[in-house]
Amino acid sequence: MGIKILIADDDPDIRDVLKLTLAEENYEIMEAQDGEEALKIIRSKPLDLVLLDYKMPKMDGRQLCNLIKRDLLLQHLPIIMVTGKGEINDKINGIDAGADDYVVKPFEPKELLARIRMVLRRTKRDLEANPLTRLPGNVAILNELSNCIEKKTLYAVCYVDLDKFKAYNDKYGFEHGDDVIRETARILLSTIKECGNADDFVGHIGGDDFVIITTADLADKICEKIIHDFDKISPSFYNQEDRQNGFIIGYDRQSKIHKILLLSVSIGVVTNQMREITHLAQIGEIGAELKKLAKGMEKSNYVKDKRQKKP
């Protein structure tokens, strides 16, 4: 997949110059002519970098940069602010708003390309991060779980999964499905920020499967908050008719019609409070079993491991 860069500038001539410059590196380019259009693209497309003009209509670069850096799911998106010659305050305000770097118009093409390469290198978090949510993927998840087993402190691994997601995707399409996954990731991140520890971990296994690693004492509070926030937002993913009905019409594998309730969330919580866990496969097996129990309850729910190891 090529590197995707958004050029946000209200001057079409500047956009053309930037496109010509970036064409040398075969970057995939998107364009926005004001701050609001740029924000819409940033929230809907997975990007690698934004070239952001400081002075734009509807929303200027500083305001847009502030919004991006406050968004838990977008805050790692690198931004290079483009400012006018001699506008020292624009540079300072841009950096204060969270911009990763800046260039001054008129710019030297080779310098701009060098700065882009530098910022992309500097902000590359994890090569295998999920491209949709930018959350750490399976390699990082396995490393975190291994650390838990080695440290032998009390921990909780929360396996988070959406219910009825396939039926939702079938009816509303993958773009809407991706929106649901991104919103779920936002809920998990904001929950950990509010209720978790500073070093808690949120990973994206893939599709609608996530994992949270926290301490055993906070697992219940975290699960309850996730369920509360997800159930609150879930109806907004549907059109008015489906929202009012409280279900959509779907088909099973035998092509029989079914009423399928709105999206909910199931969480299986594996802890080492009641039994010793000695290897990674154990965590996965217990997690799958607990998640299956939670899924059997029709509504959003979580099931926590409370069984003791047999003597």
C-alpha atoms as a PDB file:
ATOM      1  CA  MET A   1       0.000   0.000   0.000  1.00  0.00           C
ATOM      2  CA  GLY A   2       1.309   3.463  -0.956  1.00  0.00           C
ATOM      3  CA  ILE A   3       1.787   6.333   1.476  1.00  0.00           C
ATOM      4  CA  LYS A   4      -1.328   8.539   1.556  1.00  0.00           C
ATOM      5  CA  ILE A   5      -0.873  12.283   2.030  1.00  0.00           C
ATOM      6  CA  LEU A   6      -3.624  14.903   2.329  1.00  0.00           C
ATOM      7  CA  ILE A   7      -2.890  18.409   1.003  1.00  0.00           C
ATOM      8  CA  ALA A   8      -5.183  20.923   2.720  1.00  0.00           C
ATOM      9  CA  ASP A   9      -4.881  24.406   1.175  1.00  0.00           C
ATOM     10  CA  ASP A  10      -7.442  26.887  -0.185  1.00  0.00           C
ATOM     11  CA  ASP A  11      -5.068  28.002  -2.985  1.00  0.00           C
ATOM     12  CA  PRO A  12      -5.386  25.650  -6.005  1.00  0.00           C
ATOM     13  CA  ASP A  13      -2.003  26.850  -7.379  1.00  0.00           C
ATOM     14  CA  ILE A  14      -0.232  25.848  -4.154  1.00  0.00           C
ATOM     15  CA  ARG A  15      -2.008  22.462  -4.218  1.00  0.00           C
ATOM     16  CA  ASP A  16      -0.779  21.943  -7.794  1.00  0.00           C
ATOM     17  CA  VAL A  17       2.818  22.827  -6.832  1.00  0.00           C
ATOM     18  CA  LEU A  18       2.660  20.445  -3.852  1.00  0.00           C
ATOM     19  CA  LYS A  19       1.202  17.660  -6.018  1.00  0.00           C
ATOM     20  CA  LEU A  20       3.993  18.073  -8.587  1.00  0.00           C
ATOM     21  CA  THR A  21       6.613  17.998  -5.835  1.00  0.00           C
ATOM     22  CA  LEU A  22       5.156  14.907  -4.163  1.00  0.00           C
ATOM     23  CA  ALA A  23       4.738  13.111  -7.509  1.00  0.00           C
ATOM     24  CA  GLU A  24       8.507  12.476  -7.452  1.00  0.00           C
ATOM     25  CA  GLU A  25       8.024  10.067  -4.543  1.00  0.00           C
ATOM     26  CA  ASN A  26       4.860   8.370  -5.901  1.00  0.00           C
ATOM     27  CA  TYR A  27       2.831   9.338  -2.841  1.00  0.00           C
ATOM     28  CA  GLU A  28      -0.949   8.872  -3.075  1.00  0.00           C
ATOM     29  CA  ILE A  29      -2.417  12.385  -2.858  1.00  0.00           C
ATOM     30  CA  MET A  30      -5.786  13.629  -1.598  1.00  0.00           C
ATOM     31  CA  GLU A  31      -6.873  17.285  -1.566  1.00  0.00           C
ATOM     32  CA  ALA A  32      -9.034  19.558   0.581  1.00  0.00           C
ATOM     33  CA  GLN A  33      -9.727  23.250  -0.026  1.00  0.00           C
ATOM     34  CA  ASP A  34     -10.758  24.222   3.507  1.00  0.00           C
ATOM     35  CA  GLY A  35     -10.449  23.009   7.099  1.00  0.00           C
ATOM     36  CA  GLU A  36     -13.890  21.391   7.302  1.00  0.00           C
ATOM     37  CA  GLU A  37     -13.356  19.340   4.131  1.00  0.00           C
ATOM     38  CA  ALA A  38      -9.926  18.295   5.429  1.00  0.00           C
ATOM     39  CA  LEU A  39     -11.400  17.131   8.755  1.00  0.00           C
ATOM     40  CA  LYS A  40     -14.038  15.050   6.944  1.00  0.00           C
ATOM     41  CA  ILE A  41     -11.339  13.274   4.890  1.00  0.00           C
ATOM     42  CA  ILE A  42      -9.068  12.775   7.928  1.00  0.00           C
ATOM     43  CA  ARG A  43     -11.897  11.138   9.888  1.00  0.00           C
ATOM     44  CA  SER A  44     -12.951   8.825   7.063  1.00  0.00           C
ATOM     45  CA  LYS A  45      -9.710   7.780   5.307  1.00  0.00           C
ATOM     46  CA  PRO A  46      -6.595   6.120   6.741  1.00  0.00           C
ATOM     47  CA  LEU A  47      -3.826   8.679   6.057  1.00  0.00           C
ATOM     48  CA  ASP A  48      -0.071   8.687   6.668  1.00  0.00           C
ATOM     49  CA  LEU A  49       0.542  12.455   6.754  1.00  0.00           C
ATOM     50  CA  VAL A  50      -1.219  15.843   6.363  1.00  0.00           C
ATOM     51  CA  LEU A  51       0.268  18.952   4.735  1.00  0.00           C
ATOM     52  CA  LEU A  52      -1.807  21.680   6.347  1.00  0.00           C
ATOM     53  CA  ASP A  53      -1.998  25.339   5.326  1.00  0.00           C
ATOM     54  CA  TYR A  54      -2.111  27.616   8.365  1.00  0.00           C
ATOM     55  CA  LYS A  55      -4.587  30.119   6.859  1.00  0.00           C
ATOM     56  CA  MET A  56      -7.746  28.473   5.461  1.00  0.00           C
ATOM     57  CA  PRO A  57     -11.473  29.315   5.374  1.00  0.00           C
ATOM     58  CA  LYS A  58     -14.098  27.616   7.606  1.00  0.00           C
ATOM     59  CA  MET A  59     -11.419  26.249   9.955  1.00  0.00           C
ATOM     60  CA  ASP A  60      -7.787  27.342  10.014  1.00  0.00           C
ATOM     61  CA  GLY A  61      -4.789  25.041  10.298  1.00  0.00           C
ATOM     62  CA  ARG A  62      -4.262  25.688  14.001  1.00  0.00           C
ATOM     63  CA  GLN A  63      -7.877  24.802  14.895  1.00  0.00           C
ATOM     64  CA  LEU A  64      -7.812  21.683  12.723  1.00  0.00           C
ATOM     65  CA  CYS A  65      -4.474  20.568  14.152  1.00  0.00           C
ATOM     66  CA  ASN A  66      -5.855  21.015  17.679  1.00  0.00           C
ATOM     67  CA  LEU A  67      -8.891  18.842  16.864  1.00  0.00           C
ATOM     68  CA  ILE A  68      -6.756  16.073  15.346  1.00  0.00           C
ATOM     69  CA  LYS A  69      -4.293  15.958  18.229  1.00  0.00           C
ATOM     70  CA  ARG A  70      -7.141  15.798  20.779  1.00  0.00           C
ATOM     71  CA  ASP A  71      -8.730  12.809  19.005  1.00  0.00           C
ATOM     72  CA  LEU A  72      -7.467   9.592  20.614  1.00  0.00           C
ATOM     73  CA  LEU A  73      -7.669   7.717  17.324  1.00  0.00           C
ATOM     74  CA  LEU A  74      -6.024  10.406  15.177  1.00  0.00           C
ATOM     75  CA  GLN A  75      -3.444  11.942  17.514  1.00  0.00           C
ATOM     76  CA  HIS A  76      -0.580   9.936  15.989  1.00  0.00           C
ATOM     77  CA  LEU A  77      -1.286  11.266  12.471  1.00  0.00           C
ATOM     78  CA  PRO A  78       1.738  13.431  11.542  1.00  0.00           C
ATOM     79  CA  ILE A  79       1.047  17.016  10.456  1.00  0.00           C
ATOM     80  CA  ILE A  80       3.375  19.408   8.626  1.00  0.00           C
ATOM     81  CA  MET A  81       2.090  22.986   8.847  1.00  0.00           C
ATOM     82  CA  VAL A  82       2.612  25.221   5.800  1.00  0.00           C
ATOM     83  CA  THR A  83       3.026  28.892   6.759  1.00  0.00           C
ATOM     84  CA  GLY A  84       3.644  32.167   4.905  1.00  0.00           C
ATOM     85  CA  LYS A  85       7.096  33.730   4.682  1.00  0.00           C
ATOM     86  CA  GLY A  86       7.991  35.691   7.784  1.00  0.00           C
ATOM     87  CA  GLU A  87       4.839  34.660   9.694  1.00  0.00           C
ATOM     88  CA  ILE A  88       6.728  33.729  12.868  1.00  0.00           C
ATOM     89  CA  ASN A  89       3.531  33.650  14.973  1.00  0.00           C
ATOM     90  CA  ASP A  90       1.973  31.134  12.580  1.00  0.00           C
ATOM     91  CA  LYS A  91       4.966  28.826  13.057  1.00  0.00           C
ATOM     92  CA  ILE A  92       4.817  29.131  16.855  1.00  0.00           C
ATOM     93  CA  ASN A  93       1.020  28.657  16.988  1.00  0.00           C
ATOM     94  CA  GLY A  94       1.228  25.681  14.623  1.00  0.00           C
ATOM     95  CA  ILE A  95       3.828  23.915  16.758  1.00  0.00           C
ATOM     96  CA  ASP A  96       1.848  24.780  19.926  1.00  0.00           C
ATOM     97  CA  ALA A  97      -1.257  23.212  18.350  1.00  0.00           C
ATOM     98  CA  GLY A  98       0.655  19.934  17.931  1.00  0.00           C
ATOM     99  CA  ALA A  99       2.098  20.129  14.395  1.00  0.00           C
ATOM    100  CA  ASP A 100       5.081  17.797  13.963  1.00  0.00           C
ATOM    101  CA  ASP A 101       6.983  20.167  11.663  1.00  0.00           C
ATOM    102  CA  TYR A 102       6.477  23.205   9.409  1.00  0.00           C
ATOM    103  CA  VAL A 103       7.595  24.508   6.005  1.00  0.00           C
ATOM    104  CA  VAL A 104       7.573  28.102   4.815  1.00  0.00           C
ATOM    105  CA  LYS A 105       6.133  29.249   1.459  1.00  0.00           C
ATOM    106  CA  PRO A 106       7.756  29.518  -1.032  1.00  0.00           C
ATOM    107  CA  PHE A 107       9.450  26.195  -0.214  1.00  0.00           C
ATOM    108  CA  GLU A 108      12.355  24.335  -1.763  1.00  0.00           C
ATOM    109  CA  PRO A 109      10.936  21.025  -3.171  1.00  0.00           C
ATOM    110  CA  LYS A 110      13.935  18.911  -2.047  1.00  0.00           C
ATOM    111  CA  GLU A 111      13.709  20.304   1.489  1.00  0.00           C
ATOM    112  CA  LEU A 112       9.967  19.586   1.655  1.00  0.00           C
ATOM    113  CA  LEU A 113      10.478  15.974   0.529  1.00  0.00           C
ATOM    114  CA  ALA A 114      13.279  15.533   3.064  1.00  0.00           C
ATOM    115  CA  ARG A 115      11.065  16.886   5.855  1.00  0.00           C
ATOM    116  CA  ILE A 116       8.200  14.567   4.843  1.00  0.00           C
ATOM    117  CA  ARG A 117      10.528  11.551   4.881  1.00  0.00           C
ATOM    118  CA  MET A 118      11.870  12.580   8.286  1.00  0.00           C
ATOM    119  CA  VAL A 119       8.406  13.055   9.825  1.00  0.00           C
ATOM    120  CA  LEU A 120       7.158   9.736   8.401  1.00  0.00           C
ATOM    121  CA  ARG A 121      10.190   7.943   9.855  1.00  0.00           C
ATOM    122  CA  ARG A 122       9.857   9.667  13.210  1.00  0.00           C
ATOM    123  CA  THR A 123       6.161   8.957  13.651  1.00  0.00           C
ATOM    124  CA  LYS A 124       6.100   5.375  12.415  1.00  0.00           C
ATOM    125  CA  ARG A 125       4.863   3.583  15.492  1.00  0.00           C
ATOM    126  CA  ASP A 126       4.554  -0.095  14.760  1.00  0.00           C
ATOM    127  CA  LEU A 127       4.975  -1.677  11.332  1.00  0.00           C
ATOM    128  CA  GLU A 128       2.180  -4.112  11.971  1.00  0.00           C
ATOM    129  CA  ALA A 129      -0.277  -1.630  13.510  1.00  0.00           C
ATOM    130  CA  ASN A 130      -3.828  -2.078  12.255  1.00  0.00           C
ATOM    131  CA  PRO A 131      -4.239   0.284   9.251  1.00  0.00           C
ATOM    132  CA  LEU A 132      -7.861   1.102  10.125  1.00  0.00           C
ATOM    133  CA  THR A 133      -7.457   2.065  13.791  1.00  0.00           C
ATOM    134  CA  ARG A 134      -3.651   2.516  14.035  1.00  0.00           C
ATOM    135  CA  LEU A 135      -3.803   0.411  17.194  1.00  0.00           C
ATOM    136  CA  PRO A 136      -1.001  -2.119  17.810  1.00  0.00           C
ATOM    137  CA  GLY A 137      -1.644  -5.462  16.090  1.00  0.00           C
ATOM    138  CA  ASN A 138      -0.932  -9.109  16.851  1.00  0.00           C
ATOM    139  CA  VAL A 139       2.864  -8.997  17.272  1.00  0.00           C
ATOM    140  CA  ALA A 140       2.578  -6.244  19.898  1.00  0.00           C
ATOM    141  CA  ILE A 141      -0.385  -8.030  21.558  1.00  0.00           C
ATOM    142  CA  LEU A 142       1.598 -11.278  21.926  1.00  0.00           C
ATOM    143  CA  ASN A 143       4.570  -9.362  23.363  1.00  0.00           C
ATOM    144  CA  GLU A 144       2.321  -7.660  25.949  1.00  0.00           C
ATOM    145  CA  LEU A 145       0.705 -10.975  26.952  1.00  0.00           C
ATOM    146  CA  SER A 146       4.154 -12.600  27.309  1.00  0.00           C
ATOM    147  CA  ASN A 147       5.204  -9.735  29.601  1.00  0.00           C
ATOM    148  CA  CYS A 148       2.118 -10.343  31.781  1.00  0.00           C
ATOM    149  CA  ILE A 149       2.990 -14.026  32.232  1.00  0.00           C
ATOM    150  CA  GLU A 150       6.649 -13.272  32.996  1.00  0.00           C
ATOM    151  CA  LYS A 151       5.962 -10.486  35.513  1.00  0.00           C
ATOM    152  CA  LYS A 152       3.460 -12.615  37.495  1.00  0.00           C
ATOM    153  CA  THR A 153       1.577  -9.550  38.792  1.00  0.00           C
ATOM    154  CA  LEU A 154      -2.227  -9.577  38.866  1.00  0.00           C
ATOM    155  CA  TYR A 155      -3.536  -8.679  35.418  1.00  0.00           C
ATOM    156  CA  ALA A 156      -6.730  -8.871  33.345  1.00  0.00           C
ATOM    157  CA  VAL A 157      -6.951  -9.501  29.606  1.00  0.00           C
ATOM    158  CA  CYS A 158     -10.273  -8.273  28.188  1.00  0.00           C
ATOM    159  CA  TYR A 159     -11.234  -9.752  24.805  1.00  0.00           C
ATOM    160  CA  VAL A 160     -13.728  -7.335  23.211  1.00  0.00           C
ATOM    161  CA  ASP A 161     -15.913  -8.416  20.301  1.00  0.00           C
ATOM    162  CA  LEU A 162     -18.959  -6.897  18.562  1.00  0.00           C
ATOM    163  CA  ASP A 163     -22.154  -8.949  18.238  1.00  0.00           C
ATOM    164  CA  LYS A 164     -24.215  -9.047  15.007  1.00  0.00           C
ATOM    165  CA  PHE A 165     -21.409  -7.230  13.171  1.00  0.00           C
ATOM    166  CA  LYS A 166     -21.522  -9.461  10.074  1.00  0.00           C
ATOM    167  CA  ALA A 167     -25.261  -8.822   9.635  1.00  0.00           C
ATOM    168  CA  TYR A 168     -24.629  -5.075  10.035  1.00  0.00           C
ATOM    169  CA  ASN A 169     -21.865  -5.169   7.403  1.00  0.00           C
ATOM    170  CA  ASP A 170     -24.085  -7.143   5.008  1.00  0.00           C
ATOM    171  CA  LYS A 171     -26.824  -4.523   5.201  1.00  0.00           C
ATOM    172  CA  TYR A 172     -24.898  -1.244   5.566  1.00  0.00           C
ATOM    173  CA  GLY A 173     -21.657  -2.058   3.710  1.00  0.00           C
ATOM    174  CA  PHE A 174     -17.991  -2.126   4.669  1.00  0.00           C
ATOM    175  CA  GLU A 175     -17.497   1.650   4.861  1.00  0.00           C
ATOM    176  CA  HIS A 176     -20.135   1.934   7.586  1.00  0.00           C
ATOM    177  CA  GLY A 177     -18.670  -1.187   9.185  1.00  0.00           C
ATOM    178  CA  ASP A 178     -15.261   0.516   9.284  1.00  0.00           C
ATOM    179  CA  ASP A 179     -16.873   3.543  10.970  1.00  0.00           C
ATOM    180  CA  VAL A 180     -18.263   1.235  13.679  1.00  0.00           C
ATOM    181  CA  ILE A 181     -14.816  -0.326  14.237  1.00  0.00           C
ATOM    182  CA  ARG A 182     -13.160   3.106  14.485  1.00  0.00           C
ATOM    183  CA  GLU A 183     -15.800   4.315  16.969  1.00  0.00           C
ATOM    184  CA  THR A 184     -15.339   1.136  19.027  1.00  0.00           C
ATOM    185  CA  ALA A 185     -11.581   1.793  19.130  1.00  0.00           C
ATOM    186  CA  ARG A 186     -12.281   5.366  20.300  1.00  0.00           C
ATOM    187  CA  ILE A 187     -14.514   4.055  23.103  1.00  0.00           C
ATOM    188  CA  LEU A 188     -11.825   1.608  24.267  1.00  0.00           C
ATOM    189  CA  LEU A 189      -9.107   4.277  24.249  1.00  0.00           C
ATOM    190  CA  SER A 190     -11.209   6.896  26.033  1.00  0.00           C
ATOM    191  CA  THR A 191     -12.317   4.301  28.629  1.00  0.00           C
ATOM    192  CA  ILE A 192      -8.716   3.363  29.398  1.00  0.00           C
ATOM    193  CA  LYS A 193      -7.778   7.045  29.606  1.00  0.00           C
ATOM    194  CA  GLU A 194     -10.623   7.673  32.084  1.00  0.00           C
ATOM    195  CA  CYS A 195     -10.723   4.434  34.099  1.00  0.00           C
ATOM    196  CA  GLY A 196      -7.457   2.592  33.465  1.00  0.00           C
ATOM    197  CA  ASN A 197      -3.770   2.848  34.343  1.00  0.00           C
ATOM    198  CA  ALA A 198      -1.284   4.997  32.446  1.00  0.00           C
ATOM    199  CA  ASP A 199       0.472   1.908  31.015  1.00  0.00           C
ATOM    200  CA  ASP A 200      -2.635  -0.143  30.102  1.00  0.00           C
ATOM    201  CA  PHE A 201      -2.615  -1.614  26.594  1.00  0.00           C
ATOM    202  CA  VAL A 202      -5.257  -1.513  23.832  1.00  0.00           C
ATOM    203  CA  GLY A 203      -4.682  -3.695  20.756  1.00  0.00           C
ATOM    204  CA  HIS A 204      -6.629  -4.536  17.602  1.00  0.00           C
ATOM    205  CA  ILE A 205      -6.576  -8.259  16.766  1.00  0.00           C
ATOM    206  CA  GLY A 206      -8.408  -7.586  13.485  1.00  0.00           C
ATOM    207  CA  GLY A 207     -11.967  -7.039  12.211  1.00  0.00           C
ATOM    208  CA  ASP A 208     -14.229  -6.350  15.189  1.00  0.00           C
ATOM    209  CA  ASP A 209     -11.906  -8.055  17.730  1.00  0.00           C
ATOM    210  CA  PHE A 210      -9.925  -6.020  20.254  1.00  0.00           C
ATOM    211  CA  VAL A 211      -7.945  -6.713  23.401  1.00  0.00           C
ATOM    212  CA  ILE A 212      -7.304  -4.629  26.518  1.00  0.00           C
ATOM    213  CA  ILE A 213      -4.631  -5.514  29.071  1.00  0.00           C
ATOM    214  CA  THR A 214      -5.062  -3.866  32.454  1.00  0.00           C
ATOM    215  CA  THR A 215      -4.746  -4.686  36.153  1.00  0.00           C
ATOM    216  CA  ALA A 216      -7.211  -7.141  37.693  1.00  0.00           C
ATOM    217  CA  ASP A 217      -8.676  -4.572  40.102  1.00  0.00           C
ATOM    218  CA  LEU A 218      -9.886  -2.263  37.292  1.00  0.00           C
ATOM    219  CA  ALA A 219     -11.336  -4.840  34.858  1.00  0.00           C
ATOM    220  CA  ASP A 220     -14.964  -4.621  36.070  1.00  0.00           C
ATOM    221  CA  LYS A 221     -15.046  -0.822  35.962  1.00  0.00           C
ATOM    222  CA  ILE A 222     -13.494  -0.780  32.473  1.00  0.00           C
ATOM    223  CA  CYS A 223     -15.931  -3.380  31.080  1.00  0.00           C
ATOM    224  CA  GLU A 224     -18.967  -1.604  32.551  1.00  0.00           C
ATOM    225  CA  LYS A 225     -17.868   1.726  31.023  1.00  0.00           C
ATOM    226  CA  ILE A 226     -17.239   0.177  27.582  1.00  0.00           C
ATOM    227  CA  ILE A 227     -20.688  -1.468  27.606  1.00  0.00           C
ATOM    228  CA  HIS A 228     -22.391   1.742  28.749  1.00  0.00           C
ATOM    229  CA  ASP A 229     -20.684   3.901  26.099  1.00  0.00           C
ATOM    230  CA  PHE A 230     -21.123   1.386  23.269  1.00  0.00           C
ATOM    231  CA  ASP A 231     -24.844   0.829  23.983  1.00  0.00           C
ATOM    232  CA  LYS A 232     -25.336   4.595  24.050  1.00  0.00           C
ATOM    233  CA  ILE A 233     -23.789   5.102  20.590  1.00  0.00           C
ATOM    234  CA  SER A 234     -24.936   1.860  18.901  1.00  0.00           C
ATOM    235  CA  PRO A 235     -28.347   3.155  17.662  1.00  0.00           C
ATOM    236  CA  SER A 236     -26.634   6.044  15.830  1.00  0.00           C
ATOM    237  CA  PHE A 237     -25.040   3.538  13.411  1.00  0.00           C
ATOM    238  CA  TYR A 238     -28.489   2.767  11.932  1.00  0.00           C
ATOM    239  CA  ASN A 239     -31.041   4.561   9.791  1.00  0.00           C
ATOM    240  CA  GLN A 240     -34.159   5.918  11.456  1.00  0.00           C
ATOM    241  CA  GLU A 241     -36.412   2.972  10.594  1.00  0.00           C
ATOM    242  CA  ASP A 242     -34.010   0.327  11.924  1.00  0.00           C
ATOM    243  CA  ARG A 243     -33.302   2.448  14.996  1.00  0.00           C
ATOM    244  CA  GLN A 244     -37.018   2.719  15.810  1.00  0.00           C
ATOM    245  CA  ASN A 245     -37.608  -0.984  15.180  1.00  0.00           C
ATOM    246  CA  GLY A 246     -34.609  -1.972  17.292  1.00  0.00           C
ATOM    247  CA  PHE A 247     -33.588  -4.605  14.744  1.00  0.00           C
ATOM    248  CA  ILE A 248     -32.671  -5.226  11.109  1.00  0.00           C
ATOM    249  CA  ILE A 249     -33.848  -8.021   8.829  1.00  0.00           C
ATOM    250  CA  GLY A 250     -31.119 -10.519   7.990  1.00  0.00           C
ATOM    251  CA  TYR A 251     -30.663 -14.027   6.642  1.00  0.00           C
ATOM    252  CA  ASP A 252     -28.999 -17.081   8.142  1.00  0.00           C
ATOM    253  CA  ARG A 253     -26.965 -19.693   6.246  1.00  0.00           C
ATOM    254  CA  GLN A 254     -30.146 -21.469   5.192  1.00  0.00           C
ATOM    255  CA  SER A 255     -31.458 -18.162   3.752  1.00  0.00           C
ATOM    256  CA  LYS A 256     -34.147 -17.945   6.425  1.00  0.00           C
ATOM    257  CA  ILE A 257     -35.243 -14.446   7.464  1.00  0.00           C
ATOM    258  CA  HIS A 258     -34.360 -13.332  10.988  1.00  0.00           C
ATOM    259  CA  LYS A 259     -34.840 -10.212  13.070  1.00  0.00           C
ATOM    260  CA  ILE A 260     -31.339  -9.215  14.157  1.00  0.00           C
ATOM    261  CA  LEU A 261     -31.015  -6.901  17.147  1.00  0.00           C
ATOM    262  CA  LEU A 262     -28.819  -3.800  17.071  1.00  0.00           C
ATOM    263  CA  LEU A 263     -25.055  -4.088  17.546  1.00  0.00           C
ATOM    264  CA  SER A 264     -23.883  -4.947  21.048  1.00  0.00           C
ATOM    265  CA  VAL A 265     -20.529  -5.752  22.644  1.00  0.00           C
ATOM    266  CA  SER A 266     -19.320  -8.924  24.391  1.00  0.00           C
ATOM    267  CA  ILE A 267     -16.242  -9.055  26.600  1.00  0.00           C
ATOM    268  CA  GLY A 268     -14.442 -12.091  28.015  1.00  0.00           C
ATOM    269  CA  VAL A 269     -12.101 -11.226  30.896  1.00  0.00           C
ATOM    270  CA  VAL A 270      -9.181 -13.539  31.661  1.00  0.00           C
ATOM    271  CA  THR A 271      -7.365 -12.954  34.973  1.00  0.00           C
ATOM    272  CA  ASN A 272      -4.733 -14.751  37.029  1.00  0.00           C
ATOM    273  CA  GLN A 273      -6.502 -13.871  40.289  1.00  0.00           C
ATOM    274  CA  MET A 274      -7.892 -17.353  40.899  1.00  0.00           C
ATOM    275  CA  ARG A 275      -5.450 -19.528  38.961  1.00  0.00           C
ATOM    276  CA  GLU A 276      -1.929 -19.457  37.631  1.00  0.00           C
ATOM    277  CA  ILE A 277      -1.530 -18.895  33.886  1.00  0.00           C
ATOM    278  CA  THR A 278       1.745 -20.231  32.509  1.00  0.00           C
ATOM    279  CA  HIS A 279       1.519 -19.898  28.724  1.00  0.00           C
ATOM    280  CA  LEU A 280      -0.044 -17.730  25.991  1.00  0.00           C
ATOM    281  CA  ALA A 281      -2.342 -20.427  24.600  1.00  0.00           C
ATOM    282  CA  GLN A 282      -4.071 -20.651  27.996  1.00  0.00           C
ATOM    283  CA  ILE A 283      -5.055 -16.971  27.857  1.00  0.00           C
ATOM    284  CA  GLY A 284      -6.482 -17.363  24.329  1.00  0.00           C
ATOM    285  CA  GLU A 285      -8.428 -20.534  25.176  1.00  0.00           C
ATOM    286  CA  ILE A 286      -9.963 -19.122  28.364  1.00  0.00           C
ATOM    287  CA  GLY A 287     -10.726 -15.819  26.595  1.00  0.00           C
ATOM    288  CA  ALA A 288     -12.542 -17.555  23.711  1.00  0.00           C
ATOM    289  CA  GLU A 289     -14.614 -19.599  26.166  1.00  0.00           C
ATOM    290  CA  LEU A 290     -15.600 -16.558  28.261  1.00  0.00           C
ATOM    291  CA  LYS A 291     -16.411 -14.448  25.203  1.00  0.00           C
ATOM    292  CA  LYS A 292     -18.666 -17.229  23.916  1.00  0.00           C
ATOM    293  CA  LEU A 293     -20.556 -17.197  27.231  1.00  0.00           C
ATOM    294  CA  ALA A 294     -20.954 -13.405  27.034  1.00  0.00           C
ATOM    295  CA  LYS A 295     -22.210 -13.666  23.445  1.00  0.00           C
ATOM    296  CA  GLY A 296     -24.942 -16.076  24.533  1.00  0.00           C
ATOM    297  CA  MET A 297     -26.634 -13.354  26.575  1.00  0.00           C
ATOM    298  CA  GLU A 298     -28.233 -11.403  23.647  1.00  0.00           C
ATOM    299  CA  LYS A 299     -27.335  -7.975  25.031  1.00  0.00           C
ATOM    300  CA  SER A 300     -24.004  -6.269  25.763  1.00  0.00           C
ATOM    301  CA  ASN A 301     -22.287  -8.131  28.575  1.00  0.00           C
ATOM    302  CA  TYR A 302     -19.010  -9.272  30.047  1.00  0.00           C
ATOM    303  CA  VAL A 303     -18.000 -12.528  31.702  1.00  0.00           C
ATOM    304  CA  LYS A 304     -15.038 -12.630  34.069  1.00  0.00           C
ATOM    305  CA  ASP A 305     -13.007 -15.750  34.800  1.00  0.00           C
ATOM    306  CA  LYS A 306     -13.711 -16.775  38.415  1.00  0.00           C
ATOM    307  CA  ARG A 307     -12.768 -20.434  38.343  1.00  0.00           C
ATOM    308  CA  GLN A 308      -9.982 -21.721  40.525  1.00  0.00           C
ATOM    309  CA  LYS A 309      -7.342 -24.084  39.264  1.00  0.00           C
ATOM    310  CA  LYS A 310      -8.258 -27.675  40.111  1.00  0.00           C
ATOM    311  CA  PRO A 311      -6.008 -29.139  42.822  1.00  0.00           C
END
